[in-house]
Amino acid sequence: MRKEVKINVVKELRNIIEDSNGIFLLTFNNLSVAEISELRDKIKETGSRMRVVKNTLVKKAVGDDFPEFPVEVLQNTTAMAYSKDNFIDVAKVLFEFHKETGKIDVKAGLVEGKKVTREQAEAIAKLPSREVLLAQFAGLMVAPLRKFLMNLRAPLQNYGLLLNQLKNKKEEK
């Protein structure tokens, strides 16, 4: 690679690191071109990207500006899967692909400015999707209002039941 190309790649990597809320570093062994394309397509479906990177160029891009970046795992073959918004979906795709093929392994990551280990990345992958979390949150917000409404209705319902019971007693006599 020529020096100008390397400088441009380092700038691109630096922009990726600055702009992404979630970055996962993974290693891949014996992946065919078709499998790499399949993984890239699955990640692209989440609105995210994946890029095979040179460890030395990533280290240069990180420099001293990102002390939390997990540079210690930059060994062997490395790819970066990164996202601005959907890092949970990216983690899910990576761990599903790992389950299916066993040919990739998430080494570590950087999520919202914090270093994450492989185990933490796997825990992120097990989180519900954003839509499910929003639905659960909406349910929690509505529950007190629903309970309040039921408590408001209860005296009227009880009064109606009481009148109905009195009517039934008078009819029996």
N, C-alpha and C. Protein backbone atom coordinates (compact mmCIF):
# COMPACT_ATOMS: atom_id res chain seq x y z
N MET A 1 0.83 -1.18 0.00
CA MET A 1 0.00 0.00 0.00
C MET A 1 0.88 1.24 0.00
N ARG A 2 0.53 2.19 -0.84
CA ARG A 2 1.29 3.43 -0.87
C ARG A 2 0.98 4.29 0.34
N LYS A 3 1.90 5.18 0.65
CA LYS A 3 1.78 6.01 1.85
C LYS A 3 0.52 6.87 1.81
N GLU A 4 0.18 7.45 0.65
CA GLU A 4 -1.02 8.29 0.55
C GLU A 4 -2.28 7.48 0.84
N VAL A 5 -2.30 6.25 0.34
CA VAL A 5 -3.46 5.38 0.57
C VAL A 5 -3.57 5.05 2.06
N LYS A 6 -2.45 4.75 2.69
CA LYS A 6 -2.45 4.44 4.12
C LYS A 6 -2.95 5.63 4.94
N ILE A 7 -2.51 6.82 4.57
CA ILE A 7 -2.95 8.03 5.29
C ILE A 7 -4.46 8.20 5.15
N ASN A 8 -4.99 7.97 3.96
CA ASN A 8 -6.44 8.07 3.75
C ASN A 8 -7.20 7.02 4.54
N VAL A 9 -6.67 5.80 4.58
CA VAL A 9 -7.32 4.72 5.32
C VAL A 9 -7.33 5.05 6.81
N VAL A 10 -6.22 5.58 7.33
CA VAL A 10 -6.15 5.96 8.74
C VAL A 10 -7.18 7.04 9.04
N LYS A 11 -7.33 8.00 8.16
CA LYS A 11 -8.34 9.06 8.35
C LYS A 11 -9.75 8.47 8.36
N GLU A 12 -10.02 7.56 7.43
CA GLU A 12 -11.33 6.91 7.38
C GLU A 12 -11.61 6.13 8.66
N LEU A 13 -10.61 5.37 9.11
CA LEU A 13 -10.79 4.59 10.34
C LEU A 13 -11.03 5.51 11.54
N ARG A 14 -10.31 6.60 11.58
CA ARG A 14 -10.48 7.57 12.67
C ARG A 14 -11.90 8.14 12.66
N ASN A 15 -12.41 8.47 11.47
CA ASN A 15 -13.79 8.96 11.36
C ASN A 15 -14.80 7.91 11.81
N ILE A 16 -14.55 6.66 11.45
CA ILE A 16 -15.43 5.57 11.87
C ILE A 16 -15.46 5.48 13.39
N ILE A 17 -14.29 5.52 14.01
CA ILE A 17 -14.20 5.41 15.47
C ILE A 17 -14.90 6.59 16.14
N GLU A 18 -14.74 7.78 15.60
CA GLU A 18 -15.37 8.97 16.18
C GLU A 18 -16.88 8.96 16.01
N ASP A 19 -17.37 8.49 14.87
CA ASP A 19 -18.79 8.59 14.55
C ASP A 19 -19.65 7.42 15.05
N SER A 20 -19.04 6.29 15.36
CA SER A 20 -19.81 5.10 15.70
C SER A 20 -20.10 5.01 17.19
N ASN A 21 -21.32 4.59 17.49
CA ASN A 21 -21.69 4.32 18.88
C ASN A 21 -21.30 2.92 19.30
N GLY A 22 -21.16 2.03 18.34
CA GLY A 22 -20.78 0.66 18.64
C GLY A 22 -19.82 0.11 17.60
N ILE A 23 -18.69 -0.39 18.08
CA ILE A 23 -17.69 -1.01 17.21
C ILE A 23 -17.34 -2.36 17.81
N PHE A 24 -17.38 -3.40 17.00
CA PHE A 24 -16.99 -4.73 17.45
C PHE A 24 -15.83 -5.21 16.59
N LEU A 25 -14.77 -5.66 17.26
CA LEU A 25 -13.61 -6.19 16.57
C LEU A 25 -13.74 -7.71 16.54
N LEU A 26 -13.58 -8.28 15.38
CA LEU A 26 -13.73 -9.73 15.28
C LEU A 26 -12.60 -10.31 14.47
N THR A 27 -12.35 -11.56 14.73
CA THR A 27 -11.37 -12.30 13.96
C THR A 27 -12.13 -13.34 13.14
N PHE A 28 -11.61 -13.64 11.98
CA PHE A 28 -12.27 -14.61 11.11
C PHE A 28 -11.24 -15.58 10.58
N ASN A 29 -11.60 -16.84 10.60
CA ASN A 29 -10.69 -17.90 10.13
C ASN A 29 -11.38 -18.72 9.06
N ASN A 30 -10.68 -18.94 7.98
CA ASN A 30 -11.15 -19.81 6.90
C ASN A 30 -12.51 -19.42 6.34
N LEU A 31 -12.82 -18.15 6.35
CA LEU A 31 -14.08 -17.70 5.73
C LEU A 31 -13.90 -17.61 4.22
N SER A 32 -14.84 -18.14 3.50
CA SER A 32 -14.80 -17.99 2.05
C SER A 32 -15.30 -16.60 1.68
N VAL A 33 -15.09 -16.23 0.46
CA VAL A 33 -15.54 -14.93 -0.02
C VAL A 33 -17.07 -14.85 0.09
N ALA A 34 -17.74 -15.94 -0.20
CA ALA A 34 -19.20 -15.97 -0.13
C ALA A 34 -19.67 -15.76 1.31
N GLU A 35 -18.98 -16.37 2.27
CA GLU A 35 -19.37 -16.22 3.67
C GLU A 35 -19.11 -14.79 4.17
N ILE A 36 -18.00 -14.20 3.76
CA ILE A 36 -17.72 -12.81 4.14
C ILE A 36 -18.79 -11.90 3.54
N SER A 37 -19.16 -12.14 2.29
CA SER A 37 -20.21 -11.34 1.64
C SER A 37 -21.54 -11.52 2.36
N GLU A 38 -21.84 -12.74 2.76
CA GLU A 38 -23.09 -13.01 3.49
C GLU A 38 -23.11 -12.25 4.82
N LEU A 39 -21.99 -12.29 5.54
CA LEU A 39 -21.91 -11.57 6.82
C LEU A 39 -22.04 -10.07 6.60
N ARG A 40 -21.36 -9.55 5.60
CA ARG A 40 -21.46 -8.11 5.28
C ARG A 40 -22.90 -7.73 4.95
N ASP A 41 -23.58 -8.57 4.18
CA ASP A 41 -24.97 -8.28 3.79
C ASP A 41 -25.88 -8.28 5.01
N LYS A 42 -25.69 -9.23 5.91
CA LYS A 42 -26.51 -9.28 7.13
C LYS A 42 -26.28 -8.04 7.99
N ILE A 43 -25.04 -7.61 8.07
CA ILE A 43 -24.73 -6.41 8.86
C ILE A 43 -25.29 -5.17 8.16
N LYS A 44 -25.20 -5.16 6.84
CA LYS A 44 -25.71 -4.01 6.08
C LYS A 44 -27.23 -3.88 6.23
N GLU A 45 -27.93 -5.01 6.40
CA GLU A 45 -29.39 -4.98 6.59
C GLU A 45 -29.77 -4.23 7.86
N THR A 46 -28.88 -4.18 8.84
CA THR A 46 -29.16 -3.45 10.09
C THR A 46 -28.83 -1.97 9.96
N GLY A 47 -28.34 -1.55 8.79
CA GLY A 47 -27.95 -0.16 8.60
C GLY A 47 -26.54 0.11 9.09
N SER A 48 -25.76 -0.93 9.23
CA SER A 48 -24.39 -0.83 9.76
C SER A 48 -23.41 -1.30 8.70
N ARG A 49 -22.14 -1.31 9.04
CA ARG A 49 -21.10 -1.69 8.09
C ARG A 49 -20.08 -2.62 8.74
N MET A 50 -19.35 -3.31 7.89
CA MET A 50 -18.24 -4.15 8.33
C MET A 50 -17.07 -3.89 7.39
N ARG A 51 -15.88 -3.90 7.97
CA ARG A 51 -14.69 -3.63 7.17
C ARG A 51 -13.53 -4.46 7.70
N VAL A 52 -12.83 -5.12 6.80
CA VAL A 52 -11.60 -5.82 7.16
C VAL A 52 -10.52 -4.75 7.27
N VAL A 53 -9.75 -4.80 8.36
CA VAL A 53 -8.78 -3.74 8.62
C VAL A 53 -7.40 -4.32 8.90
N LYS A 54 -6.41 -3.47 8.68
CA LYS A 54 -5.04 -3.80 9.05
C LYS A 54 -4.82 -3.31 10.48
N ASN A 55 -4.30 -4.19 11.31
CA ASN A 55 -4.11 -3.86 12.73
C ASN A 55 -3.24 -2.62 12.93
N THR A 56 -2.18 -2.51 12.16
CA THR A 56 -1.27 -1.37 12.34
C THR A 56 -1.95 -0.06 11.99
N LEU A 57 -2.81 -0.07 10.97
CA LEU A 57 -3.51 1.14 10.59
C LEU A 57 -4.56 1.54 11.63
N VAL A 58 -5.21 0.54 12.23
CA VAL A 58 -6.17 0.84 13.29
C VAL A 58 -5.43 1.45 14.48
N LYS A 59 -4.28 0.89 14.82
CA LYS A 59 -3.50 1.43 15.94
C LYS A 59 -3.09 2.88 15.67
N LYS A 60 -2.72 3.17 14.43
CA LYS A 60 -2.37 4.55 14.08
C LYS A 60 -3.59 5.46 14.16
N ALA A 61 -4.74 4.96 13.73
CA ALA A 61 -5.96 5.77 13.77
C ALA A 61 -6.38 6.05 15.21
N VAL A 62 -6.19 5.08 16.07
CA VAL A 62 -6.56 5.25 17.48
C VAL A 62 -5.61 6.22 18.17
N GLY A 63 -4.33 6.02 17.97
CA GLY A 63 -3.32 6.88 18.59
C GLY A 63 -3.53 7.03 20.08
N ASP A 64 -3.33 8.22 20.60
CA ASP A 64 -3.53 8.50 22.02
C ASP A 64 -4.89 9.12 22.30
N ASP A 65 -5.67 9.37 21.25
CA ASP A 65 -6.95 10.06 21.41
C ASP A 65 -8.08 9.18 21.93
N PHE A 66 -7.95 7.87 21.80
CA PHE A 66 -9.00 6.95 22.23
C PHE A 66 -8.40 5.90 23.17
N PRO A 67 -8.10 6.29 24.42
CA PRO A 67 -7.45 5.35 25.34
C PRO A 67 -8.33 4.14 25.68
N GLU A 68 -9.64 4.28 25.52
CA GLU A 68 -10.53 3.19 25.87
C GLU A 68 -10.66 2.16 24.74
N PHE A 69 -10.13 2.45 23.57
CA PHE A 69 -10.22 1.52 22.44
C PHE A 69 -9.40 0.28 22.74
N PRO A 70 -9.94 -0.92 22.52
CA PRO A 70 -9.24 -2.17 22.87
C PRO A 70 -8.15 -2.56 21.86
N VAL A 71 -7.06 -1.81 21.83
CA VAL A 71 -5.98 -2.10 20.87
C VAL A 71 -5.24 -3.40 21.20
N GLU A 72 -5.35 -3.86 22.44
CA GLU A 72 -4.63 -5.07 22.83
C GLU A 72 -5.12 -6.32 22.11
N VAL A 73 -6.32 -6.27 21.54
CA VAL A 73 -6.85 -7.44 20.83
C VAL A 73 -6.56 -7.40 19.33
N LEU A 74 -5.87 -6.39 18.88
CA LEU A 74 -5.57 -6.26 17.45
C LEU A 74 -4.41 -7.19 17.07
N GLN A 75 -4.77 -8.43 16.82
CA GLN A 75 -3.81 -9.45 16.40
C GLN A 75 -4.48 -10.32 15.34
N ASN A 76 -3.67 -10.98 14.55
CA ASN A 76 -4.16 -11.86 13.48
C ASN A 76 -5.08 -11.10 12.53
N THR A 77 -6.04 -11.79 11.94
CA THR A 77 -6.96 -11.14 11.02
C THR A 77 -8.03 -10.40 11.82
N THR A 78 -8.30 -9.18 11.42
CA THR A 78 -9.27 -8.37 12.17
C THR A 78 -10.24 -7.70 11.21
N ALA A 79 -11.48 -7.68 11.64
CA ALA A 79 -12.52 -6.93 10.94
C ALA A 79 -13.24 -6.08 11.98
N MET A 80 -13.78 -4.97 11.53
CA MET A 80 -14.55 -4.07 12.40
C MET A 80 -15.98 -4.06 11.89
N ALA A 81 -16.91 -4.35 12.78
CA ALA A 81 -18.32 -4.16 12.48
C ALA A 81 -18.75 -2.96 13.31
N TYR A 82 -19.32 -1.96 12.65
CA TYR A 82 -19.60 -0.71 13.37
C TYR A 82 -20.96 -0.15 12.97
N SER A 83 -21.51 0.62 13.91
CA SER A 83 -22.82 1.20 13.69
C SER A 83 -22.96 2.51 14.45
N LYS A 84 -23.73 3.41 13.89
CA LYS A 84 -24.02 4.67 14.59
C LYS A 84 -25.18 4.48 15.55
N ASP A 85 -26.16 3.66 15.19
CA ASP A 85 -27.37 3.53 16.00
C ASP A 85 -27.69 2.10 16.43
N ASN A 86 -27.48 1.14 15.56
CA ASN A 86 -27.98 -0.22 15.79
C ASN A 86 -26.91 -1.20 16.25
N PHE A 87 -26.12 -0.81 17.25
CA PHE A 87 -25.04 -1.72 17.65
C PHE A 87 -25.57 -3.00 18.29
N ILE A 88 -26.77 -2.96 18.85
CA ILE A 88 -27.35 -4.19 19.42
C ILE A 88 -27.63 -5.18 18.30
N ASP A 89 -28.20 -4.69 17.20
CA ASP A 89 -28.49 -5.56 16.07
C ASP A 89 -27.21 -6.12 15.45
N VAL A 90 -26.16 -5.30 15.41
CA VAL A 90 -24.88 -5.78 14.88
C VAL A 90 -24.34 -6.91 15.74
N ALA A 91 -24.39 -6.74 17.06
CA ALA A 91 -23.92 -7.79 17.97
C ALA A 91 -24.73 -9.07 17.77
N LYS A 92 -26.04 -8.93 17.59
CA LYS A 92 -26.88 -10.11 17.37
C LYS A 92 -26.46 -10.85 16.10
N VAL A 93 -26.24 -10.08 15.02
CA VAL A 93 -25.84 -10.69 13.75
C VAL A 93 -24.51 -11.42 13.91
N LEU A 94 -23.55 -10.79 14.58
CA LEU A 94 -22.23 -11.40 14.74
C LEU A 94 -22.31 -12.71 15.53
N PHE A 95 -23.04 -12.70 16.63
CA PHE A 95 -23.10 -13.91 17.45
C PHE A 95 -23.96 -15.00 16.81
N GLU A 96 -24.98 -14.63 16.03
CA GLU A 96 -25.74 -15.63 15.27
C GLU A 96 -24.85 -16.27 14.21
N PHE A 97 -24.07 -15.45 13.52
CA PHE A 97 -23.16 -15.97 12.50
C PHE A 97 -22.11 -16.87 13.13
N HIS A 98 -21.63 -16.48 14.31
CA HIS A 98 -20.67 -17.32 15.03
C HIS A 98 -21.29 -18.67 15.36
N LYS A 99 -22.55 -18.67 15.80
CA LYS A 99 -23.24 -19.93 16.12
C LYS A 99 -23.39 -20.81 14.90
N GLU A 100 -23.74 -20.18 13.76
CA GLU A 100 -23.97 -20.93 12.53
C GLU A 100 -22.69 -21.53 11.97
N THR A 101 -21.62 -20.72 11.91
CA THR A 101 -20.42 -21.17 11.21
C THR A 101 -19.26 -21.51 12.13
N GLY A 102 -19.15 -20.82 13.24
CA GLY A 102 -18.01 -21.02 14.13
C GLY A 102 -16.71 -20.46 13.57
N LYS A 103 -16.81 -19.68 12.50
CA LYS A 103 -15.61 -19.19 11.83
C LYS A 103 -15.25 -17.76 12.19
N ILE A 104 -16.09 -17.08 12.95
CA ILE A 104 -15.73 -15.75 13.43
C ILE A 104 -15.78 -15.75 14.95
N ASP A 105 -15.06 -14.83 15.53
CA ASP A 105 -15.07 -14.69 16.97
C ASP A 105 -14.93 -13.22 17.32
N VAL A 106 -15.86 -12.72 18.10
CA VAL A 106 -15.80 -11.32 18.54
C VAL A 106 -14.73 -11.23 19.61
N LYS A 107 -13.76 -10.36 19.39
CA LYS A 107 -12.65 -10.20 20.35
C LYS A 107 -13.00 -9.23 21.46
N ALA A 108 -13.49 -8.06 21.08
CA ALA A 108 -13.82 -6.99 22.03
C ALA A 108 -14.57 -5.92 21.26
N GLY A 109 -14.84 -4.82 21.93
CA GLY A 109 -15.55 -3.75 21.25
C GLY A 109 -15.47 -2.44 22.00
N LEU A 110 -16.08 -1.46 21.41
CA LEU A 110 -16.18 -0.13 22.00
C LEU A 110 -17.64 0.29 21.81
N VAL A 111 -18.38 0.37 22.91
CA VAL A 111 -19.80 0.70 22.85
C VAL A 111 -20.04 1.97 23.65
N GLU A 112 -20.53 2.98 22.97
CA GLU A 112 -20.81 4.28 23.58
C GLU A 112 -19.64 4.79 24.40
N GLY A 113 -18.44 4.65 23.83
CA GLY A 113 -17.23 5.19 24.46
C GLY A 113 -16.63 4.32 25.54
N LYS A 114 -17.17 3.11 25.75
CA LYS A 114 -16.65 2.22 26.78
C LYS A 114 -16.19 0.91 26.17
N LYS A 115 -15.06 0.44 26.66
CA LYS A 115 -14.51 -0.83 26.19
C LYS A 115 -15.40 -1.97 26.69
N VAL A 116 -15.69 -2.91 25.80
CA VAL A 116 -16.47 -4.09 26.18
C VAL A 116 -15.69 -5.34 25.82
N THR A 117 -15.78 -6.33 26.69
CA THR A 117 -15.13 -7.61 26.44
C THR A 117 -16.04 -8.46 25.56
N ARG A 118 -15.57 -9.63 25.20
CA ARG A 118 -16.37 -10.53 24.39
C ARG A 118 -17.65 -10.91 25.14
N GLU A 119 -17.53 -11.18 26.43
CA GLU A 119 -18.68 -11.59 27.24
C GLU A 119 -19.71 -10.46 27.32
N GLN A 120 -19.23 -9.24 27.47
CA GLN A 120 -20.15 -8.10 27.51
C GLN A 120 -20.82 -7.89 26.16
N ALA A 121 -20.08 -8.11 25.09
CA ALA A 121 -20.66 -8.00 23.75
C ALA A 121 -21.74 -9.06 23.54
N GLU A 122 -21.50 -10.25 24.07
CA GLU A 122 -22.50 -11.31 23.97
C GLU A 122 -23.75 -10.96 24.77
N ALA A 123 -23.56 -10.33 25.93
CA ALA A 123 -24.71 -9.88 26.73
C ALA A 123 -25.49 -8.81 25.98
N ILE A 124 -24.80 -7.93 25.27
CA ILE A 124 -25.47 -6.91 24.45
C ILE A 124 -26.29 -7.59 23.36
N ALA A 125 -25.75 -8.64 22.78
CA ALA A 125 -26.45 -9.36 21.71
C ALA A 125 -27.73 -10.01 22.22
N LYS A 126 -27.78 -10.33 23.50
CA LYS A 126 -28.97 -10.98 24.06
C LYS A 126 -30.05 -9.99 24.47
N LEU A 127 -29.76 -8.69 24.40
CA LEU A 127 -30.77 -7.68 24.73
C LEU A 127 -31.89 -7.71 23.70
N PRO A 128 -33.10 -7.36 24.12
CA PRO A 128 -34.19 -7.27 23.13
C PRO A 128 -33.91 -6.14 22.15
N SER A 129 -34.57 -6.20 21.03
CA SER A 129 -34.38 -5.16 20.02
C SER A 129 -34.93 -3.82 20.51
N ARG A 130 -34.58 -2.78 19.83
CA ARG A 130 -35.00 -1.43 20.21
C ARG A 130 -36.52 -1.31 20.25
N GLU A 131 -37.19 -1.90 19.26
CA GLU A 131 -38.65 -1.82 19.19
C GLU A 131 -39.29 -2.51 20.38
N VAL A 132 -38.75 -3.67 20.77
CA VAL A 132 -39.29 -4.39 21.93
C VAL A 132 -39.06 -3.59 23.20
N LEU A 133 -37.88 -3.01 23.34
CA LEU A 133 -37.60 -2.19 24.53
C LEU A 133 -38.53 -0.97 24.59
N LEU A 134 -38.79 -0.34 23.46
CA LEU A 134 -39.71 0.80 23.44
C LEU A 134 -41.13 0.37 23.79
N ALA A 135 -41.56 -0.79 23.30
CA ALA A 135 -42.90 -1.30 23.63
C ALA A 135 -42.99 -1.61 25.13
N GLN A 136 -41.94 -2.21 25.69
CA GLN A 136 -41.94 -2.49 27.12
C GLN A 136 -41.99 -1.19 27.92
N PHE A 137 -41.24 -0.20 27.50
CA PHE A 137 -41.24 1.08 28.18
C PHE A 137 -42.61 1.73 28.12
N ALA A 138 -43.24 1.68 26.95
CA ALA A 138 -44.58 2.25 26.80
C ALA A 138 -45.57 1.53 27.72
N GLY A 139 -45.45 0.22 27.82
CA GLY A 139 -46.31 -0.55 28.72
C GLY A 139 -46.12 -0.14 30.18
N LEU A 140 -44.88 0.11 30.55
CA LEU A 140 -44.61 0.56 31.92
C LEU A 140 -45.19 1.95 32.18
N MET A 141 -45.15 2.80 31.17
CA MET A 141 -45.69 4.15 31.32
C MET A 141 -47.21 4.13 31.41
N VAL A 142 -47.86 3.22 30.70
CA VAL A 142 -49.31 3.17 30.66
C VAL A 142 -49.89 2.46 31.89
N ALA A 143 -49.14 1.54 32.48
CA ALA A 143 -49.66 0.72 33.59
C ALA A 143 -50.21 1.55 34.75
N PRO A 144 -49.52 2.57 35.26
CA PRO A 144 -50.10 3.34 36.37
C PRO A 144 -51.39 4.06 35.97
N LEU A 145 -51.44 4.57 34.74
CA LEU A 145 -52.66 5.24 34.29
C LEU A 145 -53.82 4.25 34.18
N ARG A 146 -53.55 3.07 33.69
CA ARG A 146 -54.58 2.05 33.57
C ARG A 146 -55.10 1.65 34.96
N LYS A 147 -54.17 1.49 35.90
CA LYS A 147 -54.57 1.13 37.26
C LYS A 147 -55.40 2.25 37.89
N PHE A 148 -55.00 3.50 37.68
CA PHE A 148 -55.73 4.65 38.20
C PHE A 148 -57.15 4.68 37.63
N LEU A 149 -57.28 4.44 36.33
CA LEU A 149 -58.59 4.41 35.69
C LEU A 149 -59.46 3.29 36.26
N MET A 150 -58.86 2.14 36.49
CA MET A 150 -59.62 1.01 37.08
C MET A 150 -60.09 1.36 38.49
N ASN A 151 -59.25 2.05 39.26
CA ASN A 151 -59.65 2.45 40.61
C ASN A 151 -60.75 3.49 40.58
N LEU A 152 -60.76 4.35 39.57
CA LEU A 152 -61.84 5.32 39.44
C LEU A 152 -63.16 4.64 39.08
N ARG A 153 -63.09 3.62 38.26
CA ARG A 153 -64.29 2.90 37.83
C ARG A 153 -64.84 1.98 38.93
N ALA A 154 -63.97 1.51 39.81
CA ALA A 154 -64.36 0.50 40.79
C ALA A 154 -65.56 0.90 41.64
N PRO A 155 -65.64 2.12 42.21
CA PRO A 155 -66.81 2.44 43.03
C PRO A 155 -68.12 2.37 42.23
N LEU A 156 -68.10 2.82 40.97
CA LEU A 156 -69.31 2.75 40.16
C LEU A 156 -69.70 1.31 39.87
N GLN A 157 -68.71 0.48 39.57
CA GLN A 157 -69.00 -0.92 39.30
C GLN A 157 -69.53 -1.61 40.55
N ASN A 158 -68.88 -1.31 41.68
CA ASN A 158 -69.34 -1.91 42.94
C ASN A 158 -70.76 -1.46 43.28
N TYR A 159 -71.08 -0.21 43.05
CA TYR A 159 -72.42 0.31 43.31
C TYR A 159 -73.43 -0.39 42.41
N GLY A 160 -73.07 -0.58 41.15
CA GLY A 160 -73.94 -1.30 40.22
C GLY A 160 -74.16 -2.73 40.65
N LEU A 161 -73.12 -3.41 41.11
CA LEU A 161 -73.24 -4.79 41.59
C LEU A 161 -74.13 -4.85 42.83
N LEU A 162 -73.96 -3.89 43.72
CA LEU A 162 -74.77 -3.83 44.94
C LEU A 162 -76.24 -3.67 44.61
N LEU A 163 -76.57 -2.76 43.68
CA LEU A 163 -77.96 -2.56 43.28
C LEU A 163 -78.53 -3.82 42.64
N ASN A 164 -77.72 -4.50 41.84
CA ASN A 164 -78.16 -5.73 41.19
C ASN A 164 -78.44 -6.81 42.23
N GLN A 165 -77.60 -6.93 43.24
CA GLN A 165 -77.81 -7.91 44.31
C GLN A 165 -79.08 -7.60 45.10
N LEU A 166 -79.32 -6.32 45.39
CA LEU A 166 -80.53 -5.92 46.11
C LEU A 166 -81.77 -6.27 45.28
N LYS A 167 -81.72 -6.02 43.99
CA LYS A 167 -82.83 -6.33 43.10
C LYS A 167 -83.11 -7.82 43.11
N ASN A 168 -82.06 -8.65 43.05
CA ASN A 168 -82.21 -10.11 43.05
C ASN A 168 -82.81 -10.58 44.36
N LYS A 169 -82.44 -9.98 45.49
CA LYS A 169 -82.97 -10.36 46.79
C LYS A 169 -84.45 -10.03 46.88
N LYS A 170 -84.86 -8.87 46.38
CA LYS A 170 -86.26 -8.46 46.41
C LYS A 170 -87.11 -9.36 45.52
N GLU A 171 -86.52 -9.79 44.38
CA GLU A 171 -87.25 -10.68 43.48
C GLU A 171 -87.43 -12.04 44.10
N GLU A 172 -86.46 -12.49 44.91
CA GLU A 172 -86.55 -13.80 45.56
C GLU A 172 -87.63 -13.81 46.64
N LYS A 173 -87.87 -12.67 47.28
CA LYS A 173 -88.85 -12.60 48.38
C LYS A 173 -90.20 -12.51 47.83
